[in-house]
Protein backbone atom coordinates (compact mmCIF):
# COMPACT_ATOMS: atom_id res chain seq x y z
CA UNK A 1 0.00 0.00 0.00
CA UNK A 2 2.87 2.38 0.78
CA UNK A 3 4.44 1.84 -2.65
CA UNK A 4 1.03 2.26 -4.30
CA UNK A 5 0.62 5.58 -2.48
CA UNK A 6 4.00 6.82 -3.74
CA UNK A 7 3.05 5.75 -7.26
CA UNK A 8 -0.30 7.55 -7.18
CA UNK A 9 1.37 10.69 -5.82
CA UNK A 10 3.33 10.84 -9.07
CA UNK A 11 0.07 11.05 -11.03
CA UNK A 12 -0.40 14.70 -10.05
CA UNK A 13 1.34 17.77 -11.40
CA UNK A 14 1.17 20.41 -14.11
CA UNK A 15 1.93 17.94 -16.92
CA UNK A 16 0.04 14.92 -15.56
CA UNK A 17 -2.43 13.24 -17.89
CA UNK A 18 -4.00 11.53 -14.87
CA UNK A 19 -5.01 14.79 -13.17
CA UNK A 20 -7.56 16.06 -15.70
CA UNK A 21 -8.88 19.62 -15.73
CA UNK A 22 -11.41 19.10 -18.52
CA UNK A 23 -13.77 16.48 -19.99
CA UNK A 24 -11.47 15.41 -22.85
CA UNK A 25 -8.53 14.82 -20.55
CA UNK A 26 -10.86 12.97 -18.17
CA UNK A 27 -11.82 10.61 -21.01
CA UNK A 28 -8.15 9.96 -21.78
CA UNK A 29 -7.40 9.34 -18.10
CA UNK A 30 -10.37 6.97 -17.89
CA UNK A 31 -9.07 5.02 -20.88
CA UNK A 32 -5.62 4.82 -19.28
CA UNK A 33 -7.02 3.48 -16.01
CA UNK A 34 -9.10 0.92 -17.93
CA UNK A 35 -6.00 -0.25 -19.78
CA UNK A 36 -4.04 -0.37 -16.52
CA UNK A 37 -6.76 -2.45 -14.82
CA UNK A 38 -7.01 -4.80 -17.80
CA UNK A 39 -3.23 -5.22 -17.86
CA UNK A 40 -3.26 -6.15 -14.17
CA UNK A 41 -5.99 -8.73 -14.73
CA UNK A 42 -4.19 -10.31 -17.69
CA UNK A 43 -0.87 -10.31 -15.83
CA UNK A 44 -2.54 -11.99 -12.86
CA UNK A 45 -4.00 -14.64 -15.16
CA UNK A 46 -0.57 -15.33 -16.67
CA UNK A 47 1.08 -15.65 -13.25
CA UNK A 48 -1.66 -17.96 -12.02
CA UNK A 49 -1.30 -20.21 -15.07
CA UNK A 50 2.48 -20.20 -14.64
CA UNK A 51 2.14 -21.21 -10.99
CA UNK A 52 -0.26 -23.98 -11.96
CA UNK A 53 2.22 -25.25 -14.57
CA UNK A 54 5.02 -25.50 -12.00
CA UNK A 55 2.72 -27.10 -9.45
CA UNK A 56 1.56 -29.83 -11.81
CA UNK A 57 4.97 -30.54 -13.23
CA UNK A 58 5.58 -34.20 -14.02
CA UNK A 59 1.91 -35.11 -14.32
CA UNK A 60 0.49 -36.10 -17.66
CA UNK A 61 -2.90 -34.58 -18.30
CA UNK A 62 -4.63 -34.00 -21.63
CA UNK A 63 -4.34 -30.44 -22.97
CA UNK A 64 -7.21 -28.77 -24.80
CA UNK A 65 -5.79 -27.14 -27.92
CA UNK A 66 -9.08 -25.39 -28.53
CA UNK A 67 -8.94 -23.72 -25.09
CA UNK A 68 -5.28 -22.69 -25.18
CA UNK A 69 -4.75 -21.83 -28.84
CA UNK A 70 -8.17 -20.69 -30.01
CA UNK A 71 -9.69 -19.41 -26.78
CA UNK A 72 -6.77 -17.87 -24.90
CA UNK A 73 -4.44 -17.34 -27.87
CA UNK A 74 -6.83 -15.87 -30.45
CA UNK A 75 -10.27 -15.05 -29.07
CA UNK A 76 -9.22 -13.38 -25.81
CA UNK A 77 -6.60 -11.03 -27.37
CA UNK A 78 -8.99 -10.24 -30.21
CA UNK A 79 -11.76 -9.24 -27.79
CA UNK A 80 -9.44 -7.17 -25.60
CA UNK A 81 -7.76 -5.34 -28.50
CA UNK A 82 -11.08 -4.69 -30.24
CA UNK A 83 -12.52 -3.18 -27.05
CA UNK A 84 -9.45 -0.97 -26.60
CA UNK A 85 -9.61 0.17 -30.23
CA UNK A 86 -13.28 1.10 -29.93
CA UNK A 87 -12.68 3.01 -26.70
CA UNK A 88 -9.66 4.84 -28.15
CA UNK A 89 -11.60 5.87 -31.28
CA UNK A 90 -14.43 7.17 -29.14
CA UNK A 91 -12.07 9.20 -26.96
CA UNK A 92 -10.24 10.55 -30.01
CA UNK A 93 -13.43 11.60 -31.76
CA UNK A 94 -14.47 13.68 -28.74
CA UNK A 95 -11.67 16.18 -29.48
CA UNK A 96 -12.75 16.75 -33.09
CA UNK A 97 -14.11 20.18 -33.96
CA UNK A 98 -17.89 19.86 -34.18
CA UNK A 99 -20.38 22.69 -33.87
CA UNK A 100 -19.73 26.25 -32.75
CA UNK A 101 -16.66 27.06 -30.68
CA UNK A 102 -14.27 29.90 -29.97
CA UNK A 103 -11.37 29.67 -32.42
CA UNK A 104 -7.83 30.58 -31.38
CA UNK A 105 -4.79 30.29 -33.64
CA UNK A 106 -1.76 28.58 -32.06
CA UNK A 107 1.44 29.03 -34.04
CA UNK A 108 4.67 27.28 -33.08
CA UNK A 109 8.19 28.35 -33.95
CA UNK A 110 11.60 27.66 -32.51
CA UNK A 111 11.12 28.12 -29.63
CA UNK A 112 8.01 30.11 -28.85
CA UNK A 113 4.24 29.77 -29.05
CA UNK A 114 2.13 32.64 -30.41
CA UNK A 115 -1.62 32.68 -29.88
CA UNK A 116 -3.99 34.87 -31.91
CA UNK A 117 -7.55 35.54 -30.74
CA UNK A 118 -10.71 36.43 -32.71
CA UNK A 119 -10.43 40.11 -31.71
CA UNK A 120 -7.00 40.33 -33.34
CA UNK A 121 -4.96 40.31 -30.14
CA UNK A 122 -1.96 38.06 -29.71
CA UNK A 123 -0.09 36.62 -26.75
CA UNK A 124 3.29 34.94 -26.71
CA UNK A 125 4.03 32.10 -24.31
CA UNK A 126 0.62 32.39 -22.63
CA UNK A 127 -2.64 30.90 -23.87
CA UNK A 128 -5.78 32.52 -22.48
CA UNK A 129 -8.95 30.39 -22.36
CA UNK A 130 -12.50 30.88 -21.04
CA UNK A 131 -13.68 28.33 -18.48
CA UNK A 132 -16.47 25.94 -19.43
CA UNK A 133 -16.47 26.89 -23.10
CA UNK A 134 -15.43 24.84 -26.14
CA UNK A 135 -12.32 26.22 -27.84
CA UNK A 136 -10.87 25.06 -31.16
CA UNK A 137 -7.11 25.56 -31.33
CA UNK A 138 -5.96 26.03 -34.93
CA UNK A 139 -2.43 24.68 -34.71
CA UNK A 140 0.32 25.45 -37.23
CA UNK A 141 4.09 25.97 -37.39
CA UNK A 142 6.48 28.33 -39.16
CA UNK A 143 9.61 26.19 -39.43
CA UNK A 144 9.74 22.54 -38.33
CA UNK A 145 7.23 20.07 -36.89
CA UNK A 146 6.23 20.81 -33.31
CA UNK A 147 3.42 19.35 -31.21
CA UNK A 148 0.99 21.17 -28.94
CA UNK A 149 0.14 19.34 -25.73
CA UNK A 150 -1.79 20.51 -22.69
CA UNK A 151 -1.87 17.20 -20.74
CA UNK A 152 -4.58 18.23 -18.28
CA UNK A 153 -6.94 19.32 -21.09
CA UNK A 154 -6.50 17.00 -24.09
CA UNK A 155 -4.14 14.83 -26.10
CA UNK A 156 -1.34 16.24 -28.22
CA UNK A 157 -1.60 17.34 -31.85
CA UNK A 158 1.22 18.10 -34.28
CA UNK A 159 1.98 21.60 -35.54
CA UNK A 160 3.07 21.16 -39.16
CA UNK A 161 4.39 23.91 -41.49
CA UNK A 162 1.89 24.67 -44.25
CA UNK A 163 -0.94 22.78 -42.54
CA UNK A 164 -3.54 23.66 -39.89
CA UNK A 165 -4.66 20.99 -37.42
CA UNK A 166 -7.61 21.71 -35.12
CA UNK A 167 -7.83 20.49 -31.52
CA UNK A 168 -10.97 20.93 -29.38
CA UNK A 169 -10.30 21.75 -25.71
CA UNK A 170 -12.58 22.57 -22.79
CA UNK A 171 -11.23 23.81 -19.46
CA UNK A 172 -13.62 22.91 -16.65
CA UNK A 173 -12.78 25.75 -14.26
CA UNK A 174 -10.59 28.84 -13.87
CA UNK A 175 -6.94 28.37 -12.96
CA UNK A 176 -3.44 28.01 -14.37
CA UNK A 177 -2.24 25.06 -16.42
CA UNK A 178 0.83 24.25 -18.43
CA UNK A 179 1.41 23.27 -22.05
CA UNK A 180 4.46 22.02 -23.86
CA UNK A 181 5.87 20.92 -27.19
CA UNK A 182 5.73 17.12 -27.39
CA UNK A 183 7.81 16.78 -30.58
CA UNK A 184 11.59 17.21 -30.53
CA UNK A 185 12.29 20.37 -32.50
CA UNK A 186 15.93 21.19 -31.84
CA UNK A 187 18.24 22.30 -29.01
CA UNK A 188 15.61 24.62 -27.49
CA UNK A 189 12.96 21.92 -27.26
CA UNK A 190 13.24 21.49 -23.47
CA UNK A 191 12.11 25.06 -22.90
CA UNK A 192 9.45 25.12 -25.61
CA UNK A 193 6.49 25.33 -23.26
CA UNK A 194 3.76 27.82 -22.46
CA UNK A 195 1.40 28.79 -19.66
CA UNK A 196 -2.36 28.42 -19.88
CA UNK A 197 -4.56 30.89 -17.99
CA UNK A 198 -8.21 29.88 -17.71
CA UNK A 199 -10.54 32.82 -16.93
CA UNK A 200 -13.98 32.85 -15.39
CA UNK A 201 -16.78 34.61 -17.26
CA UNK A 202 -16.08 38.04 -15.75
CA UNK A 203 -12.33 37.75 -16.26
CA UNK A 204 -12.72 36.70 -19.89
CA UNK A 205 -15.20 39.52 -20.57
CA UNK A 206 -12.87 42.05 -18.95
CA UNK A 207 -9.90 40.86 -21.00
CA UNK A 208 -11.97 40.92 -24.18
CA UNK A 209 -13.08 44.45 -23.36
CA UNK A 210 -9.51 45.66 -22.98
CA UNK A 211 -8.39 44.80 -19.43
CA UNK A 212 -5.25 42.71 -19.79
CA UNK A 213 -4.90 41.74 -16.15
């Protein structure tokens, strides 16, 4: 239990995918925990079968090829992998741009992030978001391939020169988060991150009206 507690303590932090601050990140975290639980169950099954094999060593008993080859070797992995694929596709589709949303341009370059808002304003190194509202990030790059990743909000998406990729994010509540580049882009990659400031309704309205606090 002590070791488990230390392990779970490492699941928190500014760049933790297991400490979600929005519905999309919560779906990804849920998928991860499902995979982790399934892996534990399958590992337990393997260890139990291994223990049984050692315990019954030297005894001759008929082996069912249908059970071991077809059932456990083909059917079980097929069911597990199909379920994981379906769940992953469902989680991935939730971040697609559907319906109306606030659109913010996110442009990567070595080694800064520039964000452009519908009112024409820009911010460098800081992404401002409204809480509880769907936002489509239009991601692009000026030089090499980068990757925008805000672990507590959604999965990562590449920033490719000459192409615009769109990522849907929703921040559940006001606060400060952290984003980073998840694609090696040169010697400045380690510092190629940005802050995310999530505003409540009044704060977002004030900023939109001209108050930059």
